[in-house]
């Protein structure tokens, strides 16, 4: 489902003017699917065993504050 849902989510976000929203994925996603997801706009894929600290660090580094 990740190859169907995530590209659709990123497309819909862009269509709604929200292309700056950071989209990430996690779970059991085959390595060969990651480039397809990246091309669709998924910023990162976190596989099984990824620590919460790793995810938190990625988000702190890549999320920009929204302007009011």
N, C-alpha and C. Protein backbone atom coordinates (compact mmCIF):
# COMPACT_ATOMS: atom_id res chain seq x y z
N UNK A 1 0.81 -1.20 0.00
CA UNK A 1 0.00 0.00 0.00
C UNK A 1 0.86 1.26 0.00
N UNK A 2 2.11 1.17 0.49
CA UNK A 2 2.95 2.37 0.58
C UNK A 2 3.23 2.97 -0.80
N UNK A 3 3.32 2.15 -1.84
CA UNK A 3 3.57 2.68 -3.19
C UNK A 3 2.33 3.31 -3.81
N UNK A 4 1.19 3.04 -3.25
CA UNK A 4 -0.05 3.66 -3.71
C UNK A 4 -0.39 4.88 -2.86
N UNK A 5 -0.38 4.70 -1.54
CA UNK A 5 -0.84 5.75 -0.64
C UNK A 5 0.12 6.94 -0.52
N UNK A 6 1.40 6.67 -0.33
CA UNK A 6 2.33 7.78 -0.10
C UNK A 6 2.47 8.71 -1.32
N UNK A 7 2.61 8.20 -2.54
CA UNK A 7 2.62 9.13 -3.68
C UNK A 7 1.33 9.93 -3.80
N UNK A 8 0.21 9.31 -3.48
CA UNK A 8 -1.06 10.04 -3.53
C UNK A 8 -1.09 11.15 -2.47
N UNK A 9 -0.63 10.83 -1.27
CA UNK A 9 -0.60 11.83 -0.21
C UNK A 9 0.28 13.01 -0.61
N UNK A 10 1.47 12.74 -1.13
CA UNK A 10 2.36 13.84 -1.50
C UNK A 10 1.78 14.65 -2.65
N UNK A 11 1.12 13.99 -3.59
CA UNK A 11 0.48 14.71 -4.70
C UNK A 11 -0.64 15.60 -4.19
N UNK A 12 -1.48 15.07 -3.32
CA UNK A 12 -2.58 15.86 -2.78
C UNK A 12 -2.08 17.04 -1.95
N UNK A 13 -1.01 16.83 -1.20
CA UNK A 13 -0.44 17.94 -0.44
C UNK A 13 0.02 19.05 -1.38
N UNK A 14 0.72 18.69 -2.46
CA UNK A 14 1.17 19.69 -3.43
C UNK A 14 -0.01 20.41 -4.05
N UNK A 15 -1.06 19.66 -4.41
CA UNK A 15 -2.24 20.26 -5.03
C UNK A 15 -2.93 21.26 -4.09
N UNK A 16 -2.80 21.05 -2.81
CA UNK A 16 -3.43 21.93 -1.81
C UNK A 16 -2.48 23.04 -1.36
N UNK A 17 -1.35 23.18 -2.06
CA UNK A 17 -0.41 24.23 -1.71
C UNK A 17 0.41 23.91 -0.47
N UNK A 18 0.50 22.65 -0.13
CA UNK A 18 1.21 22.23 1.07
C UNK A 18 2.43 21.38 0.73
N UNK A 19 3.07 21.71 -0.37
CA UNK A 19 4.23 20.94 -0.81
C UNK A 19 5.42 21.03 0.13
N UNK A 20 5.36 21.95 1.09
CA UNK A 20 6.46 22.08 2.05
C UNK A 20 6.30 21.16 3.26
N UNK A 21 5.22 20.40 3.33
CA UNK A 21 5.01 19.48 4.44
C UNK A 21 5.98 18.31 4.31
N UNK A 22 6.70 18.01 5.38
CA UNK A 22 7.66 16.92 5.40
C UNK A 22 6.90 15.60 5.54
N UNK A 23 7.05 14.74 4.56
CA UNK A 23 6.39 13.43 4.58
C UNK A 23 7.46 12.37 4.81
N UNK A 24 7.27 11.56 5.83
CA UNK A 24 8.17 10.45 6.12
C UNK A 24 7.35 9.18 6.20
N UNK A 25 8.05 8.06 6.16
CA UNK A 25 7.37 6.77 6.25
C UNK A 25 8.18 5.86 7.16
N UNK A 26 7.54 4.86 7.66
CA UNK A 26 8.23 3.90 8.51
C UNK A 26 7.60 2.54 8.40
N UNK A 27 8.38 1.54 8.76
CA UNK A 27 7.88 0.18 8.72
C UNK A 27 8.71 -0.68 7.79
N UNK A 28 8.12 -1.77 7.39
CA UNK A 28 8.81 -2.71 6.52
C UNK A 28 8.55 -2.31 5.08
N UNK A 29 9.50 -1.59 4.51
CA UNK A 29 9.41 -1.11 3.14
C UNK A 29 10.65 -1.62 2.42
N UNK A 30 10.47 -2.38 1.35
CA UNK A 30 11.63 -2.93 0.64
C UNK A 30 12.56 -1.83 0.13
N UNK A 31 13.86 -2.10 0.17
CA UNK A 31 14.87 -1.13 -0.26
C UNK A 31 14.61 -0.63 -1.68
N UNK A 32 14.15 -1.50 -2.56
CA UNK A 32 13.93 -1.09 -3.95
C UNK A 32 12.75 -0.12 -4.10
N UNK A 33 11.90 -0.02 -3.09
CA UNK A 33 10.77 0.91 -3.14
C UNK A 33 11.15 2.32 -2.65
N UNK A 34 12.25 2.44 -1.93
CA UNK A 34 12.63 3.72 -1.34
C UNK A 34 12.90 4.79 -2.41
N UNK A 35 13.63 4.48 -3.50
CA UNK A 35 13.82 5.51 -4.54
C UNK A 35 12.51 5.96 -5.19
N UNK A 36 11.58 5.07 -5.33
CA UNK A 36 10.27 5.41 -5.89
C UNK A 36 9.55 6.39 -4.95
N UNK A 37 9.61 6.11 -3.67
CA UNK A 37 8.98 6.99 -2.68
C UNK A 37 9.69 8.35 -2.63
N UNK A 38 11.01 8.34 -2.72
CA UNK A 38 11.76 9.60 -2.73
C UNK A 38 11.36 10.44 -3.94
N UNK A 39 11.24 9.82 -5.08
CA UNK A 39 10.83 10.53 -6.30
C UNK A 39 9.43 11.14 -6.13
N UNK A 40 8.58 10.46 -5.37
CA UNK A 40 7.22 10.95 -5.13
C UNK A 40 7.18 12.06 -4.09
N UNK A 41 8.30 12.28 -3.38
CA UNK A 41 8.33 13.36 -2.40
C UNK A 41 8.42 12.92 -0.95
N UNK A 42 8.61 11.64 -0.72
CA UNK A 42 8.79 11.17 0.66
C UNK A 42 10.22 11.49 1.06
N UNK A 43 10.37 12.20 2.15
CA UNK A 43 11.67 12.71 2.57
C UNK A 43 12.57 11.63 3.16
N UNK A 44 12.00 10.72 3.91
CA UNK A 44 12.81 9.67 4.56
C UNK A 44 11.94 8.46 4.84
N UNK A 45 12.60 7.31 4.86
CA UNK A 45 11.93 6.06 5.22
C UNK A 45 12.71 5.47 6.39
N UNK A 46 12.01 5.23 7.47
CA UNK A 46 12.61 4.67 8.68
C UNK A 46 12.20 3.21 8.81
N UNK A 47 13.16 2.34 8.74
CA UNK A 47 12.88 0.90 8.79
C UNK A 47 12.76 0.39 10.21
N UNK A 48 12.43 -0.90 10.33
CA UNK A 48 12.34 -1.52 11.65
C UNK A 48 13.67 -1.36 12.39
N UNK A 49 13.58 -1.10 13.65
CA UNK A 49 14.78 -0.95 14.45
C UNK A 49 15.30 0.47 14.54
N UNK A 50 14.70 1.38 13.77
CA UNK A 50 15.10 2.78 13.86
C UNK A 50 14.69 3.30 15.24
N UNK A 51 15.61 3.94 15.91
CA UNK A 51 15.30 4.43 17.25
C UNK A 51 14.49 5.72 17.17
N UNK A 52 13.75 5.97 18.21
CA UNK A 52 13.00 7.22 18.30
C UNK A 52 13.96 8.41 18.26
N UNK A 53 15.12 8.25 18.85
CA UNK A 53 16.12 9.30 18.81
C UNK A 53 16.54 9.65 17.39
N UNK A 54 16.73 8.63 16.55
CA UNK A 54 17.09 8.87 15.15
C UNK A 54 15.99 9.63 14.42
N UNK A 55 14.76 9.21 14.63
CA UNK A 55 13.63 9.88 13.99
C UNK A 55 13.52 11.31 14.49
N UNK A 56 13.63 11.50 15.79
CA UNK A 56 13.53 12.84 16.37
C UNK A 56 14.62 13.75 15.83
N UNK A 57 15.84 13.25 15.72
CA UNK A 57 16.94 14.05 15.19
C UNK A 57 16.68 14.43 13.74
N UNK A 58 16.17 13.49 12.96
CA UNK A 58 15.86 13.78 11.56
C UNK A 58 14.81 14.89 11.48
N UNK A 59 13.77 14.77 12.28
CA UNK A 59 12.71 15.78 12.26
C UNK A 59 13.22 17.14 12.72
N UNK A 60 14.02 17.16 13.78
CA UNK A 60 14.58 18.44 14.26
C UNK A 60 15.43 19.10 13.18
N UNK A 61 16.13 18.30 12.42
CA UNK A 61 17.03 18.82 11.40
C UNK A 61 16.29 19.28 10.14
N UNK A 62 15.18 18.61 9.81
CA UNK A 62 14.53 18.84 8.51
C UNK A 62 13.21 19.61 8.53
N UNK A 63 12.64 19.80 9.70
CA UNK A 63 11.37 20.52 9.78
C UNK A 63 11.65 22.01 9.96
N UNK A 64 11.01 22.81 9.15
CA UNK A 64 11.12 24.27 9.26
C UNK A 64 9.87 24.81 9.92
N UNK A 65 10.01 25.79 10.81
CA UNK A 65 8.82 26.38 11.42
C UNK A 65 7.95 27.07 10.37
N UNK A 66 6.67 26.99 10.54
CA UNK A 66 5.72 27.69 9.65
C UNK A 66 5.65 29.14 10.06
N UNK A 67 5.51 29.98 9.05
CA UNK A 67 5.31 31.41 9.34
C UNK A 67 3.84 31.64 9.67
N UNK A 68 3.59 32.52 10.59
CA UNK A 68 2.21 32.79 11.03
C UNK A 68 1.44 33.57 9.99
